[in-house]
Amino acid sequence: MRAALIKSLDGPDGIVVADIAVPHAGPGQLLVRVEAAALNFMDTLISRGRYQVRPALPFSPSGEIAGIVESIGGGTTCDAGLRVGDRVAAYVGHGGAREMAVVPIERAVLVPDGVASDIAAGVSVTYGTAMHGLVDRGRLAAGETVAVLGASGGAGLAATEVARLIGARVIACASAGKADVCRQHGADVFIDYDSTPLKEALREATAGRGVDMVYDCVGGRHAEPALRATAWQGRYLVVGFAAGDIPALPLNHVMLRGVDVLGVNWGEAVSRAPEAHRAAMRQVLGWIAEGRLAPRIHAKYPLSEIADAIRALDARAVAGKVVITMMPDADERAGTGGCR
């Protein structure tokens, strides 16, 4: 089978596509024929050895996939309700950019009819993080206002959509030229935080009250002004550091305004509470099937061009998800069978 392999920690230049042996599913595992694999900003980091997880070389990028269950490991029960031939989406951490992938059964969720694999492949990380951050950690309520930093990226658009479904008012903060895509996904207000003082703009957008929640995907220089624009007893969600710099927050302001600073470590939450993750994914995929969520795919690349896909992420030239496709016609496959 073909697989994209990171052979050296040199970013996209260290990736090759090669033939490797087909893996086998062990107890508690599924073997999935991958139809689509999605990339995230973390793939630019992991390809350089700058992510918190550093797999042994060589390894495949992509932490989320969708495809067909080819086999179920011996001794595995059907508690997850999955069968051979089912179409599933799964979060795998890394290792998804290959034609066959072994997946822990507790990480896989059935994909509803009508949801394409290229869409299903890209929901685990962004929408999973949004659900964990906004709902589990932030307790966002209808009628509240949330500022999303990095709103035009995959994580930001997902947070925008989920917040709107909850009934919140969304202020999208991103670079110039991204207003249309943010509004298409539900943003009520757009702020170009590269040309506008962010604290003042957020205060103005809330009639001086400040935002109830900041959902920060970027960190860097925008973090402190966003924190200073929170309302009394607001919540500041630390989601990621796409800007590359980890900010130092002024703790005196945290104290004076009674702000809760909340870490959103979705990957660890999946490991500790896999069933909660599966429930969130079933909810998200159900919303997509109902037409209530519309995940945006920025671009689709064949496996052979995965290095170019990661370069696009490197260049911050992405609005939405980047998807790697394996089998363009695989959605028409059918399967039968069950646990064995």
C-alpha atoms as a PDB file:
ATOM      1  CA  MET A   1       0.000   0.000   0.000  1.00  0.00           C
ATOM      2  CA  ARG A   2       1.049   3.627  -0.457  1.00  0.00           C
ATOM      3  CA  ALA A   3       1.849   5.826   2.500  1.00  0.00           C
ATOM      4  CA  ALA A   4       3.191   9.326   3.031  1.00  0.00           C
ATOM      5  CA  LEU A   5       6.213   9.010   5.307  1.00  0.00           C
ATOM      6  CA  ILE A   6       8.034  11.702   7.246  1.00  0.00           C
ATOM      7  CA  LYS A   7      11.615  10.450   6.990  1.00  0.00           C
ATOM      8  CA  SER A   8      13.365  13.523   8.361  1.00  0.00           C
ATOM      9  CA  LEU A   9      12.170  16.455  10.456  1.00  0.00           C
ATOM     10  CA  ASP A  10      12.577  18.976   7.633  1.00  0.00           C
ATOM     11  CA  GLY A  11       8.948  19.917   7.137  1.00  0.00           C
ATOM     12  CA  PRO A  12       7.423  19.157   3.728  1.00  0.00           C
ATOM     13  CA  ASP A  13      10.895  18.459   2.285  1.00  0.00           C
ATOM     14  CA  GLY A  14      11.222  15.462   4.585  1.00  0.00           C
ATOM     15  CA  ILE A  15       8.103  13.699   3.250  1.00  0.00           C
ATOM     16  CA  VAL A  16       8.129  10.900   0.682  1.00  0.00           C
ATOM     17  CA  VAL A  17       5.355   8.660  -0.653  1.00  0.00           C
ATOM     18  CA  ALA A  18       6.398   4.994  -0.639  1.00  0.00           C
ATOM     19  CA  ASP A  19       4.998   1.460  -0.674  1.00  0.00           C
ATOM     20  CA  ILE A  20       4.867  -0.249   2.712  1.00  0.00           C
ATOM     21  CA  ALA A  21       3.331  -3.451   4.060  1.00  0.00           C
ATOM     22  CA  VAL A  22      -0.376  -3.558   4.865  1.00  0.00           C
ATOM     23  CA  PRO A  23      -0.874  -3.526   8.662  1.00  0.00           C
ATOM     24  CA  HIS A  24      -3.152  -5.907  10.578  1.00  0.00           C
ATOM     25  CA  ALA A  25      -5.788  -5.085  13.174  1.00  0.00           C
ATOM     26  CA  GLY A  26      -5.144  -6.509  16.622  1.00  0.00           C
ATOM     27  CA  PRO A  27      -7.536  -6.893  19.563  1.00  0.00           C
ATOM     28  CA  GLY A  28      -9.565  -3.728  20.053  1.00  0.00           C
ATOM     29  CA  GLN A  29      -8.598  -2.373  16.646  1.00  0.00           C
ATOM     30  CA  LEU A  30     -10.078  -1.794  13.198  1.00  0.00           C
ATOM     31  CA  LEU A  31      -8.265  -1.911   9.870  1.00  0.00           C
ATOM     32  CA  VAL A  32      -9.676   0.980   7.830  1.00  0.00           C
ATOM     33  CA  ARG A  33      -9.237   1.489   4.105  1.00  0.00           C
ATOM     34  CA  VAL A  34      -8.652   5.234   4.092  1.00  0.00           C
ATOM     35  CA  GLU A  35     -10.685   7.254   1.617  1.00  0.00           C
ATOM     36  CA  ALA A  36      -9.663  10.680   2.903  1.00  0.00           C
ATOM     37  CA  ALA A  37      -7.252  12.038   5.489  1.00  0.00           C
ATOM     38  CA  ALA A  38      -7.301  15.609   6.795  1.00  0.00           C
ATOM     39  CA  LEU A  39      -4.398  17.869   7.727  1.00  0.00           C
ATOM     40  CA  ASN A  40      -4.180  20.449  10.491  1.00  0.00           C
ATOM     41  CA  PHE A  41      -1.672  23.065  11.572  1.00  0.00           C
ATOM     42  CA  MET A  42      -0.210  20.449  13.934  1.00  0.00           C
ATOM     43  CA  ASP A  43       1.045  18.589  10.838  1.00  0.00           C
ATOM     44  CA  THR A  44       3.362  21.485  10.027  1.00  0.00           C
ATOM     45  CA  LEU A  45       4.765  21.201  13.555  1.00  0.00           C
ATOM     46  CA  ILE A  46       5.002  17.417  13.806  1.00  0.00           C
ATOM     47  CA  SER A  47       6.828  17.324  10.454  1.00  0.00           C
ATOM     48  CA  ARG A  48       9.549  19.469  12.060  1.00  0.00           C
ATOM     49  CA  GLY A  49       9.679  17.779  15.447  1.00  0.00           C
ATOM     50  CA  ARG A  50       8.091  20.831  17.087  1.00  0.00           C
ATOM     51  CA  TYR A  51       4.847  19.219  18.255  1.00  0.00           C
ATOM     52  CA  GLN A  52       4.376  17.898  21.805  1.00  0.00           C
ATOM     53  CA  VAL A  53       4.186  14.365  20.383  1.00  0.00           C
ATOM     54  CA  ARG A  54       7.314  13.187  18.536  1.00  0.00           C
ATOM     55  CA  PRO A  55       6.755   9.786  16.888  1.00  0.00           C
ATOM     56  CA  ALA A  56       9.712   7.653  15.882  1.00  0.00           C
ATOM     57  CA  LEU A  57      10.796   8.136  12.276  1.00  0.00           C
ATOM     58  CA  PRO A  58       9.489   7.291   9.761  1.00  0.00           C
ATOM     59  CA  PHE A  59       5.811   7.990  10.404  1.00  0.00           C
ATOM     60  CA  SER A  60       2.823   9.275   8.457  1.00  0.00           C
ATOM     61  CA  PRO A  61       1.252  12.701   9.061  1.00  0.00           C
ATOM     62  CA  SER A  62      -2.506  13.340   9.385  1.00  0.00           C
ATOM     63  CA  GLY A  63      -4.372  12.761  12.609  1.00  0.00           C
ATOM     64  CA  GLU A  64      -7.881  12.191  11.242  1.00  0.00           C
ATOM     65  CA  ILE A  65      -9.328   9.920   8.602  1.00  0.00           C
ATOM     66  CA  ALA A  66     -12.512   8.558   7.078  1.00  0.00           C
ATOM     67  CA  GLY A  67     -12.884   5.267   5.263  1.00  0.00           C
ATOM     68  CA  ILE A  68     -14.251   1.725   5.129  1.00  0.00           C
ATOM     69  CA  VAL A  69     -13.802  -0.881   7.872  1.00  0.00           C
ATOM     70  CA  GLU A  70     -11.859  -3.701   6.180  1.00  0.00           C
ATOM     71  CA  SER A  71     -11.431  -5.974   9.192  1.00  0.00           C
ATOM     72  CA  ILE A  72     -11.903  -6.085  12.953  1.00  0.00           C
ATOM     73  CA  GLY A  73      -9.201  -7.510  15.197  1.00  0.00           C
ATOM     74  CA  GLY A  74      -9.728 -10.952  16.661  1.00  0.00           C
ATOM     75  CA  GLY A  75     -11.377 -10.934  20.072  1.00  0.00           C
ATOM     76  CA  THR A  76     -12.805  -7.442  19.562  1.00  0.00           C
ATOM     77  CA  THR A  77     -16.394  -6.966  20.693  1.00  0.00           C
ATOM     78  CA  CYS A  78     -18.973  -4.963  18.783  1.00  0.00           C
ATOM     79  CA  ASP A  79     -19.709  -2.620  21.699  1.00  0.00           C
ATOM     80  CA  ALA A  80     -19.066   0.319  19.376  1.00  0.00           C
ATOM     81  CA  GLY A  81     -21.754  -0.947  16.999  1.00  0.00           C
ATOM     82  CA  LEU A  82     -19.378  -1.115  14.025  1.00  0.00           C
ATOM     83  CA  ARG A  83     -19.193  -3.791  11.352  1.00  0.00           C
ATOM     84  CA  VAL A  84     -16.978  -4.698   8.428  1.00  0.00           C
ATOM     85  CA  GLY A  85     -18.041  -2.517   5.499  1.00  0.00           C
ATOM     86  CA  ASP A  86     -19.164   0.399   7.643  1.00  0.00           C
ATOM     87  CA  ARG A  87     -17.937   3.862   6.770  1.00  0.00           C
ATOM     88  CA  VAL A  88     -16.253   5.469   9.771  1.00  0.00           C
ATOM     89  CA  ALA A  89     -14.411   8.596  10.808  1.00  0.00           C
ATOM     90  CA  ALA A  90     -11.619   8.415  13.352  1.00  0.00           C
ATOM     91  CA  TYR A  91      -9.020  10.442  15.182  1.00  0.00           C
ATOM     92  CA  VAL A  92      -5.669   8.631  15.063  1.00  0.00           C
ATOM     93  CA  GLY A  93      -3.237  11.275  16.358  1.00  0.00           C
ATOM     94  CA  HIS A  94      -0.844  10.702  13.466  1.00  0.00           C
ATOM     95  CA  GLY A  95      -0.431   8.012  10.817  1.00  0.00           C
ATOM     96  CA  GLY A  96      -3.539   8.715   8.744  1.00  0.00           C
ATOM     97  CA  ALA A  97      -1.959   9.632   5.400  1.00  0.00           C
ATOM     98  CA  ARG A  98      -1.822   6.092   4.040  1.00  0.00           C
ATOM     99  CA  GLU A  99      -4.131   3.771   2.175  1.00  0.00           C
ATOM    100  CA  MET A 100      -4.726   1.492   5.183  1.00  0.00           C
ATOM    101  CA  ALA A 101      -4.699   2.541   8.837  1.00  0.00           C
ATOM    102  CA  VAL A 102      -5.152   0.696  12.113  1.00  0.00           C
ATOM    103  CA  VAL A 103      -7.583   2.501  14.412  1.00  0.00           C
ATOM    104  CA  PRO A 104      -8.517   1.823  18.055  1.00  0.00           C
ATOM    105  CA  ILE A 105     -12.193   0.896  17.914  1.00  0.00           C
ATOM    106  CA  GLU A 106     -13.087   3.417  20.627  1.00  0.00           C
ATOM    107  CA  ARG A 107     -11.788   6.226  18.389  1.00  0.00           C
ATOM    108  CA  ALA A 108     -14.062   5.371  15.429  1.00  0.00           C
ATOM    109  CA  VAL A 109     -17.604   6.596  14.821  1.00  0.00           C
ATOM    110  CA  LEU A 110     -20.096   5.632  12.130  1.00  0.00           C
ATOM    111  CA  VAL A 111     -20.491   8.191   9.322  1.00  0.00           C
ATOM    112  CA  PRO A 112     -24.156   8.886   8.473  1.00  0.00           C
ATOM    113  CA  ASP A 113     -25.465   8.462   4.946  1.00  0.00           C
ATOM    114  CA  GLY A 114     -25.192  11.684   3.002  1.00  0.00           C
ATOM    115  CA  VAL A 115     -21.969  12.839   4.661  1.00  0.00           C
ATOM    116  CA  ALA A 116     -19.077  12.499   2.189  1.00  0.00           C
ATOM    117  CA  SER A 117     -15.815  10.960   3.374  1.00  0.00           C
ATOM    118  CA  ASP A 118     -13.791  14.067   2.530  1.00  0.00           C
ATOM    119  CA  ILE A 119     -16.057  16.022   4.880  1.00  0.00           C
ATOM    120  CA  ALA A 120     -16.134  13.345   7.594  1.00  0.00           C
ATOM    121  CA  ALA A 121     -12.345  13.051   7.582  1.00  0.00           C
ATOM    122  CA  GLY A 122     -11.920  16.645   8.688  1.00  0.00           C
ATOM    123  CA  VAL A 123     -14.270  16.997  11.661  1.00  0.00           C
ATOM    124  CA  SER A 124     -12.538  15.173  14.524  1.00  0.00           C
ATOM    125  CA  VAL A 125      -9.867  17.720  15.406  1.00  0.00           C
ATOM    126  CA  THR A 126     -11.570  21.032  14.638  1.00  0.00           C
ATOM    127  CA  TYR A 127     -15.150  20.265  15.634  1.00  0.00           C
ATOM    128  CA  GLY A 128     -14.027  17.954  18.425  1.00  0.00           C
ATOM    129  CA  THR A 129     -11.922  20.776  19.847  1.00  0.00           C
ATOM    130  CA  ALA A 130     -14.802  23.224  19.433  1.00  0.00           C
ATOM    131  CA  MET A 131     -17.217  20.940  21.279  1.00  0.00           C
ATOM    132  CA  HIS A 132     -14.738  20.220  24.071  1.00  0.00           C
ATOM    133  CA  GLY A 133     -13.670  23.855  24.375  1.00  0.00           C
ATOM    134  CA  LEU A 134     -16.968  25.698  24.029  1.00  0.00           C
ATOM    135  CA  VAL A 135     -19.226  23.153  25.739  1.00  0.00           C
ATOM    136  CA  ASP A 136     -17.159  21.052  28.157  1.00  0.00           C
ATOM    137  CA  ARG A 137     -14.632  23.645  29.272  1.00  0.00           C
ATOM    138  CA  GLY A 138     -16.246  27.000  28.533  1.00  0.00           C
ATOM    139  CA  ARG A 139     -19.914  26.175  29.263  1.00  0.00           C
ATOM    140  CA  LEU A 140     -20.932  28.617  26.556  1.00  0.00           C
ATOM    141  CA  ALA A 141     -24.613  29.547  26.816  1.00  0.00           C
ATOM    142  CA  ALA A 142     -27.127  30.969  24.381  1.00  0.00           C
ATOM    143  CA  GLY A 143     -27.068  34.763  24.339  1.00  0.00           C
ATOM    144  CA  GLU A 144     -23.402  35.071  25.299  1.00  0.00           C
ATOM    145  CA  THR A 145     -20.758  36.636  23.068  1.00  0.00           C
ATOM    146  CA  VAL A 146     -17.607  34.768  22.038  1.00  0.00           C
ATOM    147  CA  ALA A 147     -14.590  36.201  20.207  1.00  0.00           C
ATOM    148  CA  VAL A 148     -12.850  33.622  18.019  1.00  0.00           C
ATOM    149  CA  LEU A 149      -9.185  34.416  17.290  1.00  0.00           C
ATOM    150  CA  GLY A 150      -7.941  32.790  14.081  1.00  0.00           C
ATOM    151  CA  ALA A 151     -11.552  32.545  12.969  1.00  0.00           C
ATOM    152  CA  SER A 152     -10.865  31.829   9.282  1.00  0.00           C
ATOM    153  CA  GLY A 153      -8.865  28.630   9.850  1.00  0.00           C
ATOM    154  CA  GLY A 154     -10.349  25.173  10.226  1.00  0.00           C
ATOM    155  CA  ALA A 155     -10.471  25.358  14.025  1.00  0.00           C
ATOM    156  CA  GLY A 156     -11.851  28.888  14.032  1.00  0.00           C
ATOM    157  CA  LEU A 157     -14.600  28.206  11.505  1.00  0.00           C
ATOM    158  CA  ALA A 158     -15.645  25.106  13.437  1.00  0.00           C
ATOM    159  CA  ALA A 159     -15.828  27.102  16.675  1.00  0.00           C
ATOM    160  CA  THR A 160     -17.832  29.798  14.914  1.00  0.00           C
ATOM    161  CA  GLU A 161     -20.383  27.293  13.629  1.00  0.00           C
ATOM    162  CA  VAL A 162     -20.735  25.416  16.907  1.00  0.00           C
ATOM    163  CA  ALA A 163     -21.079  28.646  18.897  1.00  0.00           C
ATOM    164  CA  ARG A 164     -23.866  29.814  16.585  1.00  0.00           C
ATOM    165  CA  LEU A 165     -25.697  26.490  16.975  1.00  0.00           C
ATOM    166  CA  ILE A 166     -25.508  26.967  20.742  1.00  0.00           C
ATOM    167  CA  GLY A 167     -27.096  30.400  20.247  1.00  0.00           C
ATOM    168  CA  ALA A 168     -24.117  32.628  20.983  1.00  0.00           C
ATOM    169  CA  ARG A 169     -23.124  35.822  19.209  1.00  0.00           C
ATOM    170  CA  VAL A 170     -19.788  35.363  17.409  1.00  0.00           C
ATOM    171  CA  ILE A 171     -17.133  38.001  16.782  1.00  0.00           C
ATOM    172  CA  ALA A 172     -14.694  36.573  14.233  1.00  0.00           C
ATOM    173  CA  CYS A 173     -11.132  37.897  14.488  1.00  0.00           C
ATOM    174  CA  ALA A 174      -8.813  37.151  11.574  1.00  0.00           C
ATOM    175  CA  SER A 175      -6.625  38.729   8.899  1.00  0.00           C
ATOM    176  CA  ALA A 176      -7.827  41.029   6.132  1.00  0.00           C
ATOM    177  CA  GLY A 177      -9.705  39.371   3.311  1.00  0.00           C
ATOM    178  CA  LYS A 178     -11.268  36.679   5.513  1.00  0.00           C
ATOM    179  CA  ALA A 179     -14.496  38.503   6.408  1.00  0.00           C
ATOM    180  CA  ASP A 180     -16.678  36.800   3.797  1.00  0.00           C
ATOM    181  CA  VAL A 181     -15.736  33.243   4.745  1.00  0.00           C
ATOM    182  CA  CYS A 182     -16.227  33.999   8.442  1.00  0.00           C
ATOM    183  CA  ARG A 183     -19.669  35.496   7.855  1.00  0.00           C
ATOM    184  CA  GLN A 184     -20.640  32.587   5.590  1.00  0.00           C
ATOM    185  CA  HIS A 185     -20.025  30.289   8.551  1.00  0.00           C
ATOM    186  CA  GLY A 186     -22.079  32.312  10.987  1.00  0.00           C
ATOM    187  CA  ALA A 187     -19.982  35.183  12.339  1.00  0.00           C
ATOM    188  CA  ASP A 188     -22.047  38.195  13.393  1.00  0.00           C
ATOM    189  CA  VAL A 189     -19.122  40.643  13.451  1.00  0.00           C
ATOM    190  CA  PHE A 190     -15.704  40.557  11.758  1.00  0.00           C
ATOM    191  CA  ILE A 191     -12.555  42.257  13.065  1.00  0.00           C
ATOM    192  CA  ASP A 192      -9.344  42.481  11.059  1.00  0.00           C
ATOM    193  CA  TYR A 193      -6.969  42.134  14.002  1.00  0.00           C
ATOM    194  CA  ASP A 194      -3.890  42.947  11.943  1.00  0.00           C
ATOM    195  CA  SER A 195      -5.023  46.495  11.166  1.00  0.00           C
ATOM    196  CA  THR A 196      -7.404  47.279  14.024  1.00  0.00           C
ATOM    197  CA  PRO A 197      -6.562  47.569  17.755  1.00  0.00           C
ATOM    198  CA  LEU A 198      -8.190  44.366  18.998  1.00  0.00           C
ATOM    199  CA  LYS A 199      -9.079  45.385  22.554  1.00  0.00           C
ATOM    200  CA  GLU A 200     -10.825  48.554  21.425  1.00  0.00           C
ATOM    201  CA  ALA A 201     -12.622  46.788  18.577  1.00  0.00           C
ATOM    202  CA  LEU A 202     -13.947  44.037  20.869  1.00  0.00           C
ATOM    203  CA  ARG A 203     -15.074  46.617  23.406  1.00  0.00           C
ATOM    204  CA  GLU A 204     -16.852  48.595  20.694  1.00  0.00           C
ATOM    205  CA  ALA A 205     -18.541  45.445  19.331  1.00  0.00           C
ATOM    206  CA  THR A 206     -19.959  44.733  22.800  1.00  0.00           C
ATOM    207  CA  ALA A 207     -20.998  48.298  23.678  1.00  0.00           C
ATOM    208  CA  GLY A 208     -18.160  48.510  26.174  1.00  0.00           C
ATOM    209  CA  ARG A 209     -19.139  45.417  28.168  1.00  0.00           C
ATOM    210  CA  GLY A 210     -16.487  43.049  26.817  1.00  0.00           C
ATOM    211  CA  VAL A 211     -16.820  39.493  25.512  1.00  0.00           C
ATOM    212  CA  ASP A 212     -18.038  36.603  27.640  1.00  0.00           C
ATOM    213  CA  MET A 213     -15.531  34.216  26.100  1.00  0.00           C
ATOM    214  CA  VAL A 214     -12.340  34.312  24.026  1.00  0.00           C
ATOM    215  CA  TYR A 215     -11.610  31.192  21.944  1.00  0.00           C
ATOM    216  CA  ASP A 216      -7.925  31.648  21.097  1.00  0.00           C
ATOM    217  CA  CYS A 217      -6.474  29.445  18.366  1.00  0.00           C
ATOM    218  CA  VAL A 218      -3.451  31.631  17.628  1.00  0.00           C
ATOM    219  CA  GLY A 219      -1.765  33.043  20.744  1.00  0.00           C
ATOM    220  CA  GLY A 220       1.010  35.493  19.932  1.00  0.00           C
ATOM    221  CA  ARG A 221       0.496  39.248  20.074  1.00  0.00           C
ATOM    222  CA  HIS A 222      -3.309  39.103  19.914  1.00  0.00           C
ATOM    223  CA  ALA A 223      -3.681  37.224  23.201  1.00  0.00           C
ATOM    224  CA  GLU A 224      -3.197  40.047  25.680  1.00  0.00           C
ATOM    225  CA  PRO A 225      -5.524  42.599  24.022  1.00  0.00           C
ATOM    226  CA  ALA A 226      -8.206  39.902  23.740  1.00  0.00           C
ATOM    227  CA  LEU A 227      -7.813  39.068  27.417  1.00  0.00           C
ATOM    228  CA  ARG A 228      -8.123  42.756  28.293  1.00  0.00           C
ATOM    229  CA  ALA A 229     -11.407  42.875  26.355  1.00  0.00           C
ATOM    230  CA  THR A 230     -13.141  40.165  28.387  1.00  0.00           C
ATOM    231  CA  ALA A 231     -16.210  40.981  30.443  1.00  0.00           C
ATOM    232  CA  TRP A 232     -16.350  40.623  34.234  1.00  0.00           C
ATOM    233  CA  GLN A 233     -15.878  36.910  35.033  1.00  0.00           C
ATOM    234  CA  GLY A 234     -15.335  36.108  31.380  1.00  0.00           C
ATOM    235  CA  ARG A 235     -13.593  32.964  30.157  1.00  0.00           C
ATOM    236  CA  TYR A 236     -10.390  32.828  28.145  1.00  0.00           C
ATOM    237  CA  LEU A 237      -9.914  29.503  26.329  1.00  0.00           C
ATOM    238  CA  VAL A 238      -6.330  28.625  25.404  1.00  0.00           C
ATOM    239  CA  VAL A 239      -6.775  26.447  22.312  1.00  0.00           C
ATOM    240  CA  GLY A 240      -3.551  26.717  20.294  1.00  0.00           C
ATOM    241  CA  PHE A 241      -0.603  28.782  19.169  1.00  0.00           C
ATOM    242  CA  ALA A 242      -0.837  29.041  15.390  1.00  0.00           C
ATOM    243  CA  ALA A 243       1.049  32.347  15.548  1.00  0.00           C
ATOM    244  CA  GLY A 244       4.085  30.417  16.766  1.00  0.00           C
ATOM    245  CA  ASP A 245       4.596  32.435  19.956  1.00  0.00           C
ATOM    246  CA  ILE A 246       3.285  31.356  23.350  1.00  0.00           C
ATOM    247  CA  PRO A 247       2.085  34.531  25.077  1.00  0.00           C
ATOM    248  CA  ALA A 248       2.585  35.508  28.707  1.00  0.00           C
ATOM    249  CA  LEU A 249      -0.783  36.674  30.039  1.00  0.00           C
ATOM    250  CA  PRO A 250      -0.939  39.530  32.575  1.00  0.00           C
ATOM    251  CA  LEU A 251      -2.212  37.760  35.697  1.00  0.00           C
ATOM    252  CA  ASN A 252      -3.136  41.043  37.367  1.00  0.00           C
ATOM    253  CA  HIS A 253      -5.832  41.499  34.730  1.00  0.00           C
ATOM    254  CA  VAL A 254      -7.003  37.907  35.258  1.00  0.00           C
ATOM    255  CA  MET A 255      -7.448  38.755  38.952  1.00  0.00           C
ATOM    256  CA  LEU A 256      -9.001  42.201  38.552  1.00  0.00           C
ATOM    257  CA  ARG A 257     -11.680  41.077  36.103  1.00  0.00           C
ATOM    258  CA  GLY A 258     -12.232  37.639  37.649  1.00  0.00           C
ATOM    259  CA  VAL A 259     -11.331  35.927  34.367  1.00  0.00           C
ATOM    260  CA  ASP A 260     -11.191  32.140  34.134  1.00  0.00           C
ATOM    261  CA  VAL A 261      -8.267  31.015  31.947  1.00  0.00           C
ATOM    262  CA  LEU A 262      -9.083  27.519  30.697  1.00  0.00           C
ATOM    263  CA  GLY A 263      -6.764  25.135  28.867  1.00  0.00           C
ATOM    264  CA  VAL A 264      -8.355  23.191  26.011  1.00  0.00           C
ATOM    265  CA  ASN A 265      -6.311  19.996  25.575  1.00  0.00           C
ATOM    266  CA  TRP A 266      -8.685  18.098  23.313  1.00  0.00           C
ATOM    267  CA  GLY A 267      -6.235  15.303  22.470  1.00  0.00           C
ATOM    268  CA  GLU A 268      -5.748  14.415  26.126  1.00  0.00           C
ATOM    269  CA  ALA A 269      -9.504  14.637  26.706  1.00  0.00           C
ATOM    270  CA  VAL A 270     -10.072  12.077  23.921  1.00  0.00           C
ATOM    271  CA  SER A 271      -7.629   9.680  25.584  1.00  0.00           C
ATOM    272  CA  ARG A 272      -9.184  10.106  29.025  1.00  0.00           C
ATOM    273  CA  ALA A 273     -12.848  10.111  27.975  1.00  0.00           C
ATOM    274  CA  PRO A 274     -13.182   8.362  24.586  1.00  0.00           C
ATOM    275  CA  GLU A 275     -16.929   7.824  24.879  1.00  0.00           C
ATOM    276  CA  ALA A 276     -17.506  11.545  25.442  1.00  0.00           C
ATOM    277  CA  HIS A 277     -15.500  12.192  22.274  1.00  0.00           C
ATOM    278  CA  ARG A 278     -17.552   9.636  20.332  1.00  0.00           C
ATOM    279  CA  ALA A 279     -20.783  11.244  21.563  1.00  0.00           C
ATOM    280  CA  ALA A 280     -19.560  14.669  20.433  1.00  0.00           C
ATOM    281  CA  MET A 281     -18.611  13.286  17.014  1.00  0.00           C
ATOM    282  CA  ARG A 282     -21.987  11.620  16.601  1.00  0.00           C
ATOM    283  CA  GLN A 283     -23.592  14.987  17.378  1.00  0.00           C
ATOM    284  CA  VAL A 284     -21.377  16.858  14.895  1.00  0.00           C
ATOM    285  CA  LEU A 285     -21.845  14.319  12.090  1.00  0.00           C
ATOM    286  CA  GLY A 286     -25.585  14.351  12.758  1.00  0.00           C
ATOM    287  CA  TRP A 287     -25.655  18.150  12.435  1.00  0.00           C
ATOM    288  CA  ILE A 288     -23.778  17.856   9.135  1.00  0.00           C
ATOM    289  CA  ALA A 289     -26.210  15.218   7.832  1.00  0.00           C
ATOM    290  CA  GLU A 290     -29.107  17.529   8.777  1.00  0.00           C
ATOM    291  CA  GLY A 291     -27.503  20.461   6.966  1.00  0.00           C
ATOM    292  CA  ARG A 292     -27.029  22.470  10.179  1.00  0.00           C
ATOM    293  CA  LEU A 293     -23.227  22.439   9.876  1.00  0.00           C
ATOM    294  CA  ALA A 294     -21.320  23.041   6.644  1.00  0.00           C
ATOM    295  CA  PRO A 295     -17.608  22.258   7.106  1.00  0.00           C
ATOM    296  CA  ARG A 296     -15.454  24.121   4.615  1.00  0.00           C
ATOM    297  CA  ILE A 297     -12.824  22.301   2.572  1.00  0.00           C
ATOM    298  CA  HIS A 298     -10.159  24.719   1.421  1.00  0.00           C
ATOM    299  CA  ALA A 299      -8.531  22.255  -0.992  1.00  0.00           C
ATOM    300  CA  LYS A 300      -8.160  18.550  -1.757  1.00  0.00           C
ATOM    301  CA  TYR A 301      -4.808  17.045  -2.730  1.00  0.00           C
ATOM    302  CA  PRO A 302      -3.907  13.529  -3.887  1.00  0.00           C
ATOM    303  CA  LEU A 303      -1.594  11.584  -1.589  1.00  0.00           C
ATOM    304  CA  SER A 304       1.296  12.176  -3.982  1.00  0.00           C
ATOM    305  CA  GLU A 305       1.030  15.948  -3.364  1.00  0.00           C
ATOM    306  CA  ILE A 306       0.833  15.906   0.432  1.00  0.00           C
ATOM    307  CA  ALA A 307       4.035  17.946   0.753  1.00  0.00           C
ATOM    308  CA  ASP A 308       2.398  20.772  -1.206  1.00  0.00           C
ATOM    309  CA  ALA A 309      -0.647  20.533   1.051  1.00  0.00           C
ATOM    310  CA  ILE A 310       1.514  21.034   4.144  1.00  0.00           C
ATOM    311  CA  ARG A 311       3.293  23.934   2.435  1.00  0.00           C
ATOM    312  CA  ALA A 312      -0.112  25.616   2.006  1.00  0.00           C
ATOM    313  CA  LEU A 313      -0.694  25.271   5.740  1.00  0.00           C
ATOM    314  CA  ASP A 314       2.799  26.621   6.386  1.00  0.00           C
ATOM    315  CA  ALA A 315       2.027  29.687   4.276  1.00  0.00           C
ATOM    316  CA  ARG A 316      -1.159  30.461   6.274  1.00  0.00           C
ATOM    317  CA  ALA A 317      -2.922  30.353   2.911  1.00  0.00           C
ATOM    318  CA  VAL A 318      -5.770  28.121   4.125  1.00  0.00           C
ATOM    319  CA  ALA A 319      -9.369  28.975   5.022  1.00  0.00           C
ATOM    320  CA  GLY A 320     -10.970  25.734   6.174  1.00  0.00           C
ATOM    321  CA  LYS A 321      -9.654  22.186   5.955  1.00  0.00           C
ATOM    322  CA  VAL A 322      -6.995  20.628   3.745  1.00  0.00           C
ATOM    323  CA  VAL A 323      -7.895  17.064   2.754  1.00  0.00           C
ATOM    324  CA  ILE A 324      -5.787  14.281   1.248  1.00  0.00           C
ATOM    325  CA  THR A 325      -7.769  11.923  -0.984  1.00  0.00           C
ATOM    326  CA  MET A 326      -6.917   8.261  -1.574  1.00  0.00           C
ATOM    327  CA  MET A 327      -9.800   6.718  -3.527  1.00  0.00           C
ATOM    328  CA  PRO A 328     -12.023   9.266  -5.313  1.00  0.00           C
ATOM    329  CA  ASP A 329     -14.771   6.718  -6.006  1.00  0.00           C
ATOM    330  CA  ALA A 330     -14.638   4.939  -2.659  1.00  0.00           C
ATOM    331  CA  ASP A 331     -17.897   6.455  -1.415  1.00  0.00           C
ATOM    332  CA  GLU A 332     -19.708   4.018  -3.727  1.00  0.00           C
ATOM    333  CA  ARG A 333     -18.161   0.955  -2.068  1.00  0.00           C
ATOM    334  CA  ALA A 334     -20.474  -1.385  -0.165  1.00  0.00           C
ATOM    335  CA  GLY A 335     -19.606  -3.937   2.468  1.00  0.00           C
ATOM    336  CA  THR A 336     -21.107  -6.635   4.607  1.00  0.00           C
ATOM    337  CA  GLY A 337     -20.149  -8.637   7.654  1.00  0.00           C
ATOM    338  CA  GLY A 338     -19.609  -8.100  11.324  1.00  0.00           C
ATOM    339  CA  CYS A 339     -17.195  -8.777  14.157  1.00  0.00           C
ATOM    340  CA  ARG A 340     -15.016 -11.824  13.742  1.00  0.00           C
END
